[in-house]
N, C-alpha and C. Protein backbone atom coordinates (compact mmCIF):
# COMPACT_ATOMS: atom_id res chain seq x y z
N MET A 1 0.85 -1.20 0.00
CA MET A 1 0.00 0.00 0.00
C MET A 1 0.88 1.25 0.00
N ILE A 2 0.55 2.19 -0.87
CA ILE A 2 1.32 3.44 -0.97
C ILE A 2 0.85 4.39 0.13
N ARG A 3 1.79 4.87 0.93
CA ARG A 3 1.46 5.78 2.02
C ARG A 3 1.86 7.21 1.64
N PRO A 4 1.07 8.19 2.04
CA PRO A 4 1.43 9.59 1.75
C PRO A 4 2.76 9.94 2.42
N SER A 5 3.53 10.80 1.77
CA SER A 5 4.80 11.22 2.33
C SER A 5 4.58 12.24 3.44
N THR A 6 5.65 12.48 4.20
CA THR A 6 5.59 13.49 5.25
C THR A 6 5.27 14.86 4.67
N ALA A 7 5.81 15.12 3.47
CA ALA A 7 5.58 16.41 2.81
C ALA A 7 4.09 16.64 2.57
N PHE A 8 3.36 15.57 2.27
CA PHE A 8 1.92 15.69 2.04
C PHE A 8 1.22 16.21 3.29
N TYR A 9 1.56 15.64 4.43
CA TYR A 9 0.93 16.07 5.68
C TYR A 9 1.32 17.50 6.04
N VAL A 10 2.57 17.84 5.78
CA VAL A 10 3.03 19.20 6.07
C VAL A 10 2.28 20.21 5.20
N ARG A 11 2.16 19.92 3.92
CA ARG A 11 1.45 20.82 3.01
C ARG A 11 -0.02 20.92 3.37
N THR A 12 -0.63 19.77 3.73
CA THR A 12 -2.05 19.78 4.11
C THR A 12 -2.26 20.67 5.33
N PHE A 13 -1.39 20.53 6.32
CA PHE A 13 -1.51 21.35 7.53
C PHE A 13 -1.31 22.83 7.20
N ALA A 14 -0.36 23.11 6.32
CA ALA A 14 -0.10 24.50 5.92
C ALA A 14 -1.31 25.09 5.21
N TYR A 15 -1.98 24.30 4.37
CA TYR A 15 -3.15 24.79 3.65
C TYR A 15 -4.32 25.02 4.60
N LEU A 16 -4.46 24.16 5.61
CA LEU A 16 -5.49 24.36 6.62
C LEU A 16 -5.27 25.67 7.37
N LEU A 17 -4.01 25.93 7.70
CA LEU A 17 -3.69 27.19 8.37
C LEU A 17 -3.99 28.38 7.46
N ALA A 18 -3.70 28.22 6.18
CA ALA A 18 -3.93 29.31 5.23
C ALA A 18 -5.42 29.64 5.12
N VAL A 19 -6.26 28.62 5.04
CA VAL A 19 -7.70 28.84 4.95
C VAL A 19 -8.23 29.45 6.24
N GLY A 20 -7.70 28.97 7.37
CA GLY A 20 -8.08 29.57 8.64
C GLY A 20 -7.68 31.03 8.72
N GLY A 21 -6.50 31.34 8.18
CA GLY A 21 -6.04 32.73 8.14
C GLY A 21 -6.93 33.59 7.28
N LEU A 22 -7.40 33.02 6.16
CA LEU A 22 -8.33 33.76 5.29
C LEU A 22 -9.60 34.13 6.05
N ALA A 23 -10.14 33.15 6.77
CA ALA A 23 -11.36 33.41 7.53
C ALA A 23 -11.13 34.51 8.56
N TYR A 24 -9.97 34.50 9.17
CA TYR A 24 -9.66 35.52 10.18
C TYR A 24 -9.60 36.90 9.54
N VAL A 25 -8.94 37.00 8.40
CA VAL A 25 -8.82 38.30 7.72
C VAL A 25 -10.19 38.81 7.29
N VAL A 26 -11.03 37.90 6.78
CA VAL A 26 -12.38 38.31 6.35
C VAL A 26 -13.18 38.89 7.51
N THR A 27 -13.04 38.30 8.69
CA THR A 27 -13.82 38.76 9.84
C THR A 27 -13.16 39.91 10.59
N LEU A 28 -11.91 40.23 10.26
CA LEU A 28 -11.17 41.21 11.04
C LEU A 28 -11.84 42.58 11.04
N GLU A 29 -12.30 43.04 9.87
CA GLU A 29 -12.96 44.35 9.81
C GLU A 29 -14.20 44.37 10.70
N GLY A 30 -14.95 43.28 10.70
CA GLY A 30 -16.14 43.22 11.52
C GLY A 30 -15.82 43.31 13.01
N TYR A 31 -14.75 42.61 13.41
CA TYR A 31 -14.35 42.66 14.81
C TYR A 31 -13.87 44.05 15.21
N ARG A 32 -13.20 44.71 14.27
CA ARG A 32 -12.62 46.02 14.58
C ARG A 32 -13.65 47.15 14.49
N GLU A 33 -14.43 47.14 13.42
CA GLU A 33 -15.34 48.25 13.16
C GLU A 33 -16.76 48.02 13.68
N LEU A 34 -17.08 46.77 13.98
CA LEU A 34 -18.41 46.43 14.49
C LEU A 34 -19.51 46.96 13.56
N THR A 35 -20.44 47.75 14.07
CA THR A 35 -21.56 48.21 13.25
C THR A 35 -21.15 49.24 12.20
N ALA A 36 -19.91 49.72 12.29
CA ALA A 36 -19.42 50.68 11.29
C ALA A 36 -18.77 49.99 10.10
N SER A 37 -18.74 48.67 10.10
CA SER A 37 -18.11 47.91 9.02
C SER A 37 -18.82 48.17 7.69
N GLN A 38 -18.04 48.25 6.63
CA GLN A 38 -18.58 48.50 5.30
C GLN A 38 -18.27 47.38 4.31
N TYR A 39 -17.09 46.77 4.44
CA TYR A 39 -16.63 45.75 3.49
C TYR A 39 -16.75 46.27 2.06
N GLY A 40 -16.21 47.48 1.87
CA GLY A 40 -16.27 48.13 0.56
C GLY A 40 -15.01 47.93 -0.25
N GLU A 41 -14.83 48.81 -1.23
CA GLU A 41 -13.72 48.69 -2.18
C GLU A 41 -12.36 48.91 -1.55
N THR A 42 -12.31 49.61 -0.42
CA THR A 42 -11.02 49.89 0.21
C THR A 42 -10.79 49.05 1.47
N SER A 43 -11.56 48.01 1.65
CA SER A 43 -11.46 47.20 2.86
C SER A 43 -10.23 46.30 2.83
N LEU A 44 -9.89 45.79 3.99
CA LEU A 44 -8.78 44.83 4.11
C LEU A 44 -9.07 43.59 3.29
N ASN A 45 -10.33 43.24 3.20
CA ASN A 45 -10.73 42.07 2.43
C ASN A 45 -10.38 42.24 0.95
N GLU A 46 -10.57 43.44 0.41
CA GLU A 46 -10.20 43.71 -0.98
C GLU A 46 -8.69 43.63 -1.15
N GLY A 47 -7.96 44.09 -0.14
CA GLY A 47 -6.52 43.97 -0.20
C GLY A 47 -6.08 42.53 -0.24
N LEU A 48 -6.81 41.67 0.47
CA LEU A 48 -6.52 40.24 0.45
C LEU A 48 -6.68 39.67 -0.95
N HIS A 49 -7.71 40.12 -1.66
CA HIS A 49 -7.92 39.66 -3.03
C HIS A 49 -6.71 40.00 -3.90
N ALA A 50 -6.21 41.22 -3.75
CA ALA A 50 -5.08 41.67 -4.55
C ALA A 50 -3.83 40.86 -4.24
N VAL A 51 -3.57 40.62 -2.95
CA VAL A 51 -2.39 39.86 -2.55
C VAL A 51 -2.47 38.43 -3.07
N ALA A 52 -3.64 37.80 -2.94
CA ALA A 52 -3.80 36.41 -3.37
C ALA A 52 -3.62 36.25 -4.87
N THR A 53 -4.22 37.15 -5.65
CA THR A 53 -4.09 37.05 -7.11
C THR A 53 -2.68 37.38 -7.58
N LEU A 54 -2.05 38.34 -6.93
CA LEU A 54 -0.68 38.70 -7.31
C LEU A 54 0.27 37.55 -6.97
N LEU A 55 0.10 36.96 -5.79
CA LEU A 55 0.93 35.81 -5.40
C LEU A 55 0.75 34.66 -6.36
N ALA A 56 -0.50 34.35 -6.69
CA ALA A 56 -0.77 33.24 -7.61
C ALA A 56 -0.17 33.50 -8.98
N SER A 57 -0.30 34.72 -9.48
CA SER A 57 0.27 35.07 -10.79
C SER A 57 1.77 34.88 -10.79
N ALA A 58 2.43 35.35 -9.73
CA ALA A 58 3.89 35.23 -9.63
C ALA A 58 4.32 33.76 -9.59
N CYS A 59 3.58 32.93 -8.85
CA CYS A 59 3.91 31.51 -8.77
C CYS A 59 3.77 30.83 -10.12
N PHE A 60 2.71 31.14 -10.85
CA PHE A 60 2.51 30.53 -12.17
C PHE A 60 3.60 30.98 -13.14
N VAL A 61 4.02 32.23 -13.04
CA VAL A 61 5.11 32.71 -13.90
C VAL A 61 6.39 31.94 -13.59
N MET A 62 6.67 31.71 -12.31
CA MET A 62 7.87 30.96 -11.93
C MET A 62 7.79 29.53 -12.42
N VAL A 63 6.60 28.93 -12.37
CA VAL A 63 6.43 27.58 -12.90
C VAL A 63 6.73 27.56 -14.39
N ALA A 64 6.25 28.56 -15.10
CA ALA A 64 6.50 28.65 -16.54
C ALA A 64 7.99 28.74 -16.86
N ARG A 65 8.74 29.34 -15.97
CA ARG A 65 10.17 29.51 -16.19
C ARG A 65 10.97 28.24 -15.92
N ILE A 66 10.50 27.40 -15.00
CA ILE A 66 11.32 26.27 -14.57
C ILE A 66 10.80 24.90 -15.02
N ASP A 67 9.55 24.82 -15.48
CA ASP A 67 8.97 23.52 -15.83
C ASP A 67 8.48 23.53 -17.27
N GLU A 68 9.23 22.90 -18.14
CA GLU A 68 8.92 22.93 -19.56
C GLU A 68 7.59 22.26 -19.87
N LYS A 69 7.28 21.16 -19.20
CA LYS A 69 6.05 20.44 -19.47
C LYS A 69 4.81 21.27 -19.10
N LEU A 70 4.94 22.08 -18.09
CA LEU A 70 3.80 22.88 -17.62
C LEU A 70 3.83 24.31 -18.13
N ARG A 71 4.82 24.66 -18.94
CA ARG A 71 5.05 26.05 -19.30
C ARG A 71 3.84 26.72 -19.95
N THR A 72 3.30 26.14 -20.98
CA THR A 72 2.20 26.78 -21.69
C THR A 72 0.96 26.91 -20.79
N ALA A 73 0.66 25.86 -20.05
CA ALA A 73 -0.48 25.91 -19.13
C ALA A 73 -0.26 26.98 -18.07
N ALA A 74 0.97 27.06 -17.57
CA ALA A 74 1.28 28.04 -16.52
C ALA A 74 1.16 29.47 -17.03
N VAL A 75 1.56 29.70 -18.28
CA VAL A 75 1.41 31.04 -18.87
C VAL A 75 -0.07 31.41 -18.97
N MET A 76 -0.88 30.46 -19.40
CA MET A 76 -2.32 30.72 -19.51
C MET A 76 -2.94 31.01 -18.14
N LEU A 77 -2.53 30.23 -17.14
CA LEU A 77 -3.05 30.43 -15.79
C LEU A 77 -2.59 31.76 -15.21
N ALA A 78 -1.33 32.10 -15.45
CA ALA A 78 -0.80 33.37 -14.96
C ALA A 78 -1.56 34.54 -15.57
N GLY A 79 -1.83 34.45 -16.87
CA GLY A 79 -2.58 35.51 -17.53
C GLY A 79 -3.99 35.63 -17.00
N LEU A 80 -4.65 34.49 -16.78
CA LEU A 80 -6.01 34.49 -16.27
C LEU A 80 -6.09 35.12 -14.87
N VAL A 81 -5.17 34.70 -14.00
CA VAL A 81 -5.20 35.20 -12.62
C VAL A 81 -4.77 36.66 -12.55
N PHE A 82 -3.80 37.05 -13.39
CA PHE A 82 -3.39 38.46 -13.37
C PHE A 82 -4.50 39.35 -13.90
N ALA A 83 -5.30 38.83 -14.82
CA ALA A 83 -6.47 39.58 -15.29
C ALA A 83 -7.44 39.81 -14.13
N LYS A 84 -7.58 38.81 -13.26
CA LYS A 84 -8.43 38.98 -12.08
C LYS A 84 -7.83 40.03 -11.14
N PHE A 85 -6.50 40.05 -11.04
CA PHE A 85 -5.84 41.06 -10.21
C PHE A 85 -6.15 42.46 -10.73
N ILE A 86 -6.04 42.64 -12.05
CA ILE A 86 -6.35 43.94 -12.65
C ILE A 86 -7.81 44.31 -12.40
N ARG A 87 -8.69 43.32 -12.55
CA ARG A 87 -10.11 43.57 -12.33
C ARG A 87 -10.39 44.04 -10.90
N GLU A 88 -9.64 43.49 -9.95
CA GLU A 88 -9.83 43.87 -8.56
C GLU A 88 -9.38 45.30 -8.29
N GLN A 89 -8.58 45.85 -9.20
CA GLN A 89 -8.11 47.24 -9.04
C GLN A 89 -8.95 48.22 -9.84
N ASP A 90 -10.15 47.81 -10.25
CA ASP A 90 -10.95 48.65 -11.14
C ASP A 90 -11.26 50.02 -10.53
N SER A 91 -11.63 50.04 -9.27
CA SER A 91 -11.95 51.32 -8.63
C SER A 91 -10.74 52.24 -8.58
N LEU A 92 -9.60 51.68 -8.22
CA LEU A 92 -8.36 52.46 -8.15
C LEU A 92 -7.96 52.99 -9.51
N LEU A 93 -8.03 52.13 -10.53
CA LEU A 93 -7.65 52.53 -11.88
C LEU A 93 -8.62 53.56 -12.45
N ASP A 94 -9.90 53.35 -12.22
CA ASP A 94 -10.90 54.31 -12.72
C ASP A 94 -10.69 55.69 -12.10
N HIS A 95 -10.28 55.70 -10.85
CA HIS A 95 -10.12 56.97 -10.13
C HIS A 95 -8.82 57.68 -10.50
N HIS A 96 -7.73 56.90 -10.62
CA HIS A 96 -6.42 57.52 -10.81
C HIS A 96 -5.92 57.51 -12.26
N VAL A 97 -6.52 56.69 -13.12
CA VAL A 97 -6.09 56.65 -14.53
C VAL A 97 -7.23 57.22 -15.38
N PHE A 98 -8.16 56.39 -15.77
CA PHE A 98 -9.38 56.87 -16.44
C PHE A 98 -10.43 55.77 -16.36
N ASP A 99 -11.66 56.16 -16.48
CA ASP A 99 -12.77 55.22 -16.36
C ASP A 99 -12.69 54.16 -17.45
N GLY A 100 -12.69 52.91 -17.04
CA GLY A 100 -12.61 51.81 -18.00
C GLY A 100 -11.20 51.38 -18.32
N SER A 101 -10.21 51.92 -17.61
CA SER A 101 -8.82 51.58 -17.92
C SER A 101 -8.50 50.12 -17.65
N TRP A 102 -9.19 49.54 -16.66
CA TRP A 102 -8.90 48.14 -16.35
C TRP A 102 -9.29 47.23 -17.51
N GLN A 103 -10.37 47.59 -18.23
CA GLN A 103 -10.76 46.78 -19.39
C GLN A 103 -9.68 46.82 -20.47
N LEU A 104 -9.10 47.98 -20.67
CA LEU A 104 -8.04 48.11 -21.67
C LEU A 104 -6.83 47.28 -21.29
N LEU A 105 -6.47 47.31 -20.02
CA LEU A 105 -5.32 46.54 -19.55
C LEU A 105 -5.57 45.04 -19.69
N VAL A 106 -6.76 44.60 -19.34
CA VAL A 106 -7.09 43.18 -19.46
C VAL A 106 -7.09 42.75 -20.93
N ALA A 107 -7.60 43.61 -21.80
CA ALA A 107 -7.60 43.30 -23.24
C ALA A 107 -6.18 43.16 -23.76
N ALA A 108 -5.29 44.06 -23.34
CA ALA A 108 -3.88 44.00 -23.76
C ALA A 108 -3.23 42.72 -23.25
N LEU A 109 -3.53 42.36 -22.01
CA LEU A 109 -2.99 41.13 -21.44
C LEU A 109 -3.50 39.92 -22.21
N PHE A 110 -4.77 39.93 -22.55
CA PHE A 110 -5.35 38.83 -23.31
C PHE A 110 -4.65 38.67 -24.66
N VAL A 111 -4.37 39.78 -25.32
CA VAL A 111 -3.70 39.72 -26.63
C VAL A 111 -2.30 39.11 -26.47
N LEU A 112 -1.57 39.50 -25.44
CA LEU A 112 -0.22 38.97 -25.21
C LEU A 112 -0.25 37.47 -24.94
N VAL A 113 -1.16 37.06 -24.07
CA VAL A 113 -1.25 35.63 -23.74
C VAL A 113 -1.72 34.83 -24.96
N ALA A 114 -2.69 35.36 -25.68
CA ALA A 114 -3.19 34.67 -26.88
C ALA A 114 -2.09 34.51 -27.92
N ALA A 115 -1.26 35.55 -28.07
CA ALA A 115 -0.15 35.48 -29.03
C ALA A 115 0.84 34.39 -28.62
N TYR A 116 1.14 34.31 -27.31
CA TYR A 116 2.06 33.28 -26.82
C TYR A 116 1.47 31.89 -27.06
N VAL A 117 0.20 31.72 -26.73
CA VAL A 117 -0.45 30.42 -26.91
C VAL A 117 -0.48 30.02 -28.38
N TRP A 118 -0.70 30.99 -29.25
CA TRP A 118 -0.72 30.69 -30.69
C TRP A 118 0.65 30.22 -31.17
N ARG A 119 1.70 30.87 -30.68
CA ARG A 119 3.06 30.46 -31.07
C ARG A 119 3.39 29.06 -30.57
N HIS A 120 2.81 28.68 -29.45
CA HIS A 120 3.11 27.38 -28.85
C HIS A 120 1.88 26.47 -28.89
N ARG A 121 1.03 26.65 -29.90
CA ARG A 121 -0.23 25.93 -29.96
C ARG A 121 -0.06 24.42 -30.01
N SER A 122 1.06 23.94 -30.53
CA SER A 122 1.29 22.49 -30.59
C SER A 122 1.53 21.90 -29.20
N GLU A 123 1.84 22.75 -28.24
CA GLU A 123 2.14 22.28 -26.88
C GLU A 123 0.98 22.44 -25.92
N VAL A 124 -0.08 23.11 -26.36
CA VAL A 124 -1.17 23.46 -25.44
C VAL A 124 -1.82 22.22 -24.85
N ARG A 125 -2.24 21.29 -25.67
CA ARG A 125 -2.96 20.10 -25.20
C ARG A 125 -2.10 19.29 -24.24
N GLU A 126 -0.86 19.06 -24.61
CA GLU A 126 0.03 18.26 -23.76
C GLU A 126 0.27 18.95 -22.42
N SER A 127 0.45 20.26 -22.46
CA SER A 127 0.71 21.01 -21.23
C SER A 127 -0.51 21.01 -20.31
N LEU A 128 -1.70 21.20 -20.89
CA LEU A 128 -2.91 21.18 -20.09
C LEU A 128 -3.19 19.79 -19.53
N ASP A 129 -2.89 18.75 -20.32
CA ASP A 129 -3.06 17.38 -19.84
C ASP A 129 -2.13 17.12 -18.66
N GLU A 130 -0.92 17.64 -18.74
CA GLU A 130 0.03 17.48 -17.65
C GLU A 130 -0.46 18.21 -16.40
N TYR A 131 -1.01 19.39 -16.59
CA TYR A 131 -1.52 20.13 -15.44
C TYR A 131 -2.72 19.43 -14.82
N ALA A 132 -3.55 18.83 -15.64
CA ALA A 132 -4.74 18.15 -15.14
C ALA A 132 -4.39 17.01 -14.20
N LEU A 133 -3.18 16.48 -14.30
CA LEU A 133 -2.74 15.38 -13.44
C LEU A 133 -2.27 15.87 -12.07
N GLN A 134 -2.11 17.17 -11.92
CA GLN A 134 -1.57 17.73 -10.68
C GLN A 134 -2.68 18.00 -9.66
N PHE A 135 -2.33 17.89 -8.39
CA PHE A 135 -3.25 18.24 -7.30
C PHE A 135 -3.72 19.68 -7.45
N SER A 136 -2.84 20.54 -7.93
CA SER A 136 -3.14 21.95 -8.10
C SER A 136 -4.35 22.19 -8.99
N ALA A 137 -4.55 21.35 -9.98
CA ALA A 137 -5.61 21.57 -10.96
C ALA A 137 -6.99 21.56 -10.31
N GLY A 138 -7.25 20.58 -9.46
CA GLY A 138 -8.54 20.50 -8.79
C GLY A 138 -8.77 21.67 -7.85
N VAL A 139 -7.72 22.06 -7.14
CA VAL A 139 -7.84 23.18 -6.20
C VAL A 139 -8.09 24.47 -6.97
N PHE A 140 -7.36 24.65 -8.07
CA PHE A 140 -7.53 25.86 -8.88
C PHE A 140 -8.95 25.94 -9.43
N LEU A 141 -9.44 24.83 -9.97
CA LEU A 141 -10.80 24.82 -10.53
C LEU A 141 -11.83 25.15 -9.46
N SER A 142 -11.64 24.58 -8.27
CA SER A 142 -12.56 24.87 -7.17
C SER A 142 -12.54 26.35 -6.83
N GLY A 143 -11.36 26.92 -6.73
CA GLY A 143 -11.23 28.34 -6.41
C GLY A 143 -11.82 29.23 -7.49
N PHE A 144 -11.61 28.85 -8.73
CA PHE A 144 -12.12 29.65 -9.84
C PHE A 144 -13.65 29.64 -9.86
N VAL A 145 -14.25 28.47 -9.64
CA VAL A 145 -15.71 28.37 -9.64
C VAL A 145 -16.30 29.15 -8.47
N VAL A 146 -15.67 29.04 -7.30
CA VAL A 146 -16.15 29.79 -6.13
C VAL A 146 -16.10 31.29 -6.40
N THR A 147 -15.02 31.74 -7.05
CA THR A 147 -14.81 33.17 -7.28
C THR A 147 -15.76 33.75 -8.33
N VAL A 148 -15.82 33.09 -9.47
CA VAL A 148 -16.56 33.69 -10.59
C VAL A 148 -18.04 33.31 -10.61
N LEU A 149 -18.43 32.25 -9.90
CA LEU A 149 -19.82 31.82 -9.95
C LEU A 149 -20.50 31.87 -8.58
N PHE A 150 -19.99 31.09 -7.63
CA PHE A 150 -20.66 30.98 -6.35
C PHE A 150 -20.76 32.32 -5.62
N SER A 151 -19.65 33.06 -5.58
CA SER A 151 -19.67 34.33 -4.85
C SER A 151 -20.64 35.32 -5.48
N ARG A 152 -20.77 35.28 -6.81
CA ARG A 152 -21.69 36.18 -7.50
C ARG A 152 -23.14 35.81 -7.19
N LEU A 153 -23.43 34.51 -7.19
CA LEU A 153 -24.79 34.06 -6.93
C LEU A 153 -25.19 34.30 -5.48
N ILE A 154 -24.29 34.02 -4.56
CA ILE A 154 -24.62 34.20 -3.15
C ILE A 154 -24.66 35.67 -2.77
N GLY A 155 -24.06 36.53 -3.60
CA GLY A 155 -24.01 37.95 -3.29
C GLY A 155 -25.06 38.78 -4.02
N ARG A 156 -26.06 38.14 -4.59
CA ARG A 156 -27.10 38.90 -5.29
C ARG A 156 -27.95 39.70 -4.30
N ALA A 157 -28.06 41.00 -4.56
CA ALA A 157 -28.80 41.88 -3.65
C ALA A 157 -30.27 41.46 -3.55
N ARG A 158 -30.84 41.00 -4.65
CA ARG A 158 -32.26 40.63 -4.64
C ARG A 158 -32.53 39.50 -3.65
N PHE A 159 -31.59 38.56 -3.57
CA PHE A 159 -31.73 37.46 -2.62
C PHE A 159 -31.74 37.97 -1.19
N TRP A 160 -30.76 38.81 -0.85
CA TRP A 160 -30.65 39.31 0.51
C TRP A 160 -31.80 40.27 0.86
N GLN A 161 -32.25 41.03 -0.12
CA GLN A 161 -33.41 41.90 0.12
C GLN A 161 -34.66 41.09 0.41
N GLY A 162 -34.80 39.96 -0.31
CA GLY A 162 -35.95 39.11 -0.08
C GLY A 162 -35.90 38.43 1.28
N VAL A 163 -34.72 37.98 1.67
CA VAL A 163 -34.56 37.29 2.95
C VAL A 163 -34.71 38.24 4.14
N MET A 164 -34.14 39.44 4.02
CA MET A 164 -34.09 40.36 5.15
C MET A 164 -35.23 41.38 5.16
N GLY A 165 -35.88 41.53 4.02
CA GLY A 165 -37.01 42.45 3.95
C GLY A 165 -36.63 43.87 4.33
N GLU A 166 -37.42 44.46 5.21
CA GLU A 166 -37.17 45.84 5.63
C GLU A 166 -35.86 45.99 6.41
N ASN A 167 -35.35 44.88 6.91
CA ASN A 167 -34.10 44.92 7.68
C ASN A 167 -32.87 44.72 6.79
N TYR A 168 -33.06 44.81 5.48
CA TYR A 168 -31.94 44.60 4.56
C TYR A 168 -30.79 45.53 4.89
N ASP A 169 -29.61 44.93 4.97
CA ASP A 169 -28.38 45.67 5.23
C ASP A 169 -27.35 45.24 4.20
N ARG A 170 -26.91 46.16 3.36
CA ARG A 170 -25.98 45.84 2.28
C ARG A 170 -24.68 45.24 2.80
N VAL A 171 -24.29 45.59 4.00
CA VAL A 171 -23.05 45.06 4.56
C VAL A 171 -23.09 43.54 4.67
N ILE A 172 -24.24 43.00 5.05
CA ILE A 172 -24.38 41.55 5.17
C ILE A 172 -24.16 40.90 3.81
N LYS A 173 -24.77 41.47 2.79
CA LYS A 173 -24.56 40.96 1.43
C LYS A 173 -23.09 41.03 1.04
N ASN A 174 -22.45 42.15 1.36
CA ASN A 174 -21.04 42.33 1.02
C ASN A 174 -20.16 41.29 1.72
N ILE A 175 -20.47 41.01 2.98
CA ILE A 175 -19.67 40.03 3.72
C ILE A 175 -19.79 38.66 3.07
N ALA A 176 -21.02 38.27 2.72
CA ALA A 176 -21.23 36.97 2.09
C ALA A 176 -20.51 36.88 0.75
N GLU A 177 -20.64 37.91 -0.06
CA GLU A 177 -20.02 37.90 -1.39
C GLU A 177 -18.51 38.00 -1.31
N GLU A 178 -18.02 38.98 -0.56
CA GLU A 178 -16.57 39.19 -0.49
C GLU A 178 -15.88 38.07 0.27
N GLY A 179 -16.58 37.52 1.27
CA GLY A 179 -15.99 36.43 2.03
C GLY A 179 -15.78 35.19 1.19
N THR A 180 -16.81 34.80 0.42
CA THR A 180 -16.67 33.63 -0.44
C THR A 180 -15.69 33.90 -1.57
N GLU A 181 -15.64 35.14 -2.04
CA GLU A 181 -14.66 35.50 -3.07
C GLU A 181 -13.24 35.37 -2.53
N SER A 182 -13.05 35.76 -1.27
CA SER A 182 -11.74 35.60 -0.64
C SER A 182 -11.34 34.13 -0.56
N LEU A 183 -12.30 33.29 -0.22
CA LEU A 183 -12.02 31.85 -0.18
C LEU A 183 -11.59 31.36 -1.55
N GLY A 184 -12.30 31.79 -2.59
CA GLY A 184 -11.93 31.38 -3.94
C GLY A 184 -10.54 31.81 -4.33
N TYR A 185 -10.22 33.07 -4.06
CA TYR A 185 -8.88 33.56 -4.37
C TYR A 185 -7.82 32.85 -3.54
N GLY A 186 -8.18 32.53 -2.30
CA GLY A 186 -7.25 31.80 -1.45
C GLY A 186 -6.95 30.42 -2.02
N LEU A 187 -7.97 29.73 -2.50
CA LEU A 187 -7.77 28.42 -3.11
C LEU A 187 -6.91 28.52 -4.37
N ILE A 188 -7.12 29.56 -5.15
CA ILE A 188 -6.30 29.77 -6.35
C ILE A 188 -4.85 29.99 -5.96
N ALA A 189 -4.61 30.77 -4.92
CA ALA A 189 -3.24 31.00 -4.46
C ALA A 189 -2.62 29.71 -3.95
N ILE A 190 -3.37 28.91 -3.21
CA ILE A 190 -2.87 27.62 -2.73
C ILE A 190 -2.52 26.72 -3.90
N ALA A 191 -3.37 26.70 -4.93
CA ALA A 191 -3.11 25.88 -6.12
C ALA A 191 -1.81 26.31 -6.79
N ALA A 192 -1.59 27.61 -6.88
CA ALA A 192 -0.38 28.12 -7.53
C ALA A 192 0.87 27.79 -6.72
N VAL A 193 0.80 27.97 -5.42
CA VAL A 193 1.93 27.66 -4.55
C VAL A 193 2.25 26.17 -4.61
N ASP A 194 1.22 25.34 -4.58
CA ASP A 194 1.43 23.89 -4.64
C ASP A 194 2.09 23.48 -5.95
N LEU A 195 1.64 24.07 -7.04
CA LEU A 195 2.24 23.74 -8.34
C LEU A 195 3.70 24.16 -8.38
N LEU A 196 4.01 25.29 -7.79
CA LEU A 196 5.40 25.74 -7.75
C LEU A 196 6.25 24.78 -6.93
N ILE A 197 5.73 24.30 -5.82
CA ILE A 197 6.45 23.34 -4.99
C ILE A 197 6.75 22.07 -5.79
N VAL A 198 5.74 21.58 -6.51
CA VAL A 198 5.90 20.38 -7.33
C VAL A 198 6.94 20.62 -8.43
N SER A 199 6.87 21.76 -9.09
CA SER A 199 7.81 22.07 -10.17
C SER A 199 9.24 22.18 -9.66
N LEU A 200 9.42 22.80 -8.51
CA LEU A 200 10.75 22.90 -7.92
C LEU A 200 11.30 21.53 -7.56
N ALA A 201 10.43 20.66 -7.04
CA ALA A 201 10.85 19.30 -6.70
C ALA A 201 11.24 18.53 -7.95
N ARG A 202 10.48 18.71 -9.01
CA ARG A 202 10.81 18.03 -10.27
C ARG A 202 12.11 18.55 -10.84
N LYS A 203 12.34 19.84 -10.71
CA LYS A 203 13.59 20.41 -11.20
C LYS A 203 14.78 19.86 -10.43
N ARG A 204 14.64 19.77 -9.11
CA ARG A 204 15.74 19.19 -8.31
C ARG A 204 16.00 17.75 -8.69
N GLY A 205 14.91 17.01 -8.99
CA GLY A 205 15.08 15.62 -9.41
C GLY A 205 15.81 15.50 -10.72
N ARG A 206 15.52 16.38 -11.67
CA ARG A 206 16.21 16.37 -12.96
C ARG A 206 17.67 16.74 -12.79
N THR A 207 17.94 17.69 -11.89
CA THR A 207 19.31 18.13 -11.67
C THR A 207 20.16 17.01 -11.09
N ARG A 208 19.57 16.25 -10.16
CA ARG A 208 20.30 15.14 -9.54
C ARG A 208 20.59 14.03 -10.53
N ASN A 209 19.64 13.83 -11.47
CA ASN A 209 19.84 12.78 -12.49
C ASN A 209 20.84 13.22 -13.55
């Protein structure tokens, strides 16, 4: 019988701590501000989104640099997550650059990534198949679905207005939406970190051989 390695247990414990830390950060504003909490565009929770997406993007870029088999998939993932990072800065960009600037930046990023994928189109299927075999793939997919679908559905104002009636408080809706979005981004960051760990281990193995 194949037994999990010590590294598996260490990583699992680290990921549990990371998710627990996410929950703490999400609730921190509420503990500090109490009834004055807003969970708006400038909240600590929004900062968490930026940190998680930036970390994940950087990890995927590093994977692309060191792991040839995963390179094309990692470039695509890095582009996708960095586009989410830009999207999270929409309020800042609209205020300090110009309204709609984040869309322009995302479009430019899409063109760059699409050009890279087109140049390496013969490697796309193989690279994605290789990524699909990794633990990271399932975690990333879970995080992506939570972020782009579940958080949006659970954060619909009409739902909360119907449930709370005259007692509707937008902050409650914001906590539900932003909190689940934070979980999604956290899972994406965990997926990226895990893939980087695997790629570094594979690189060390190739070096030794």
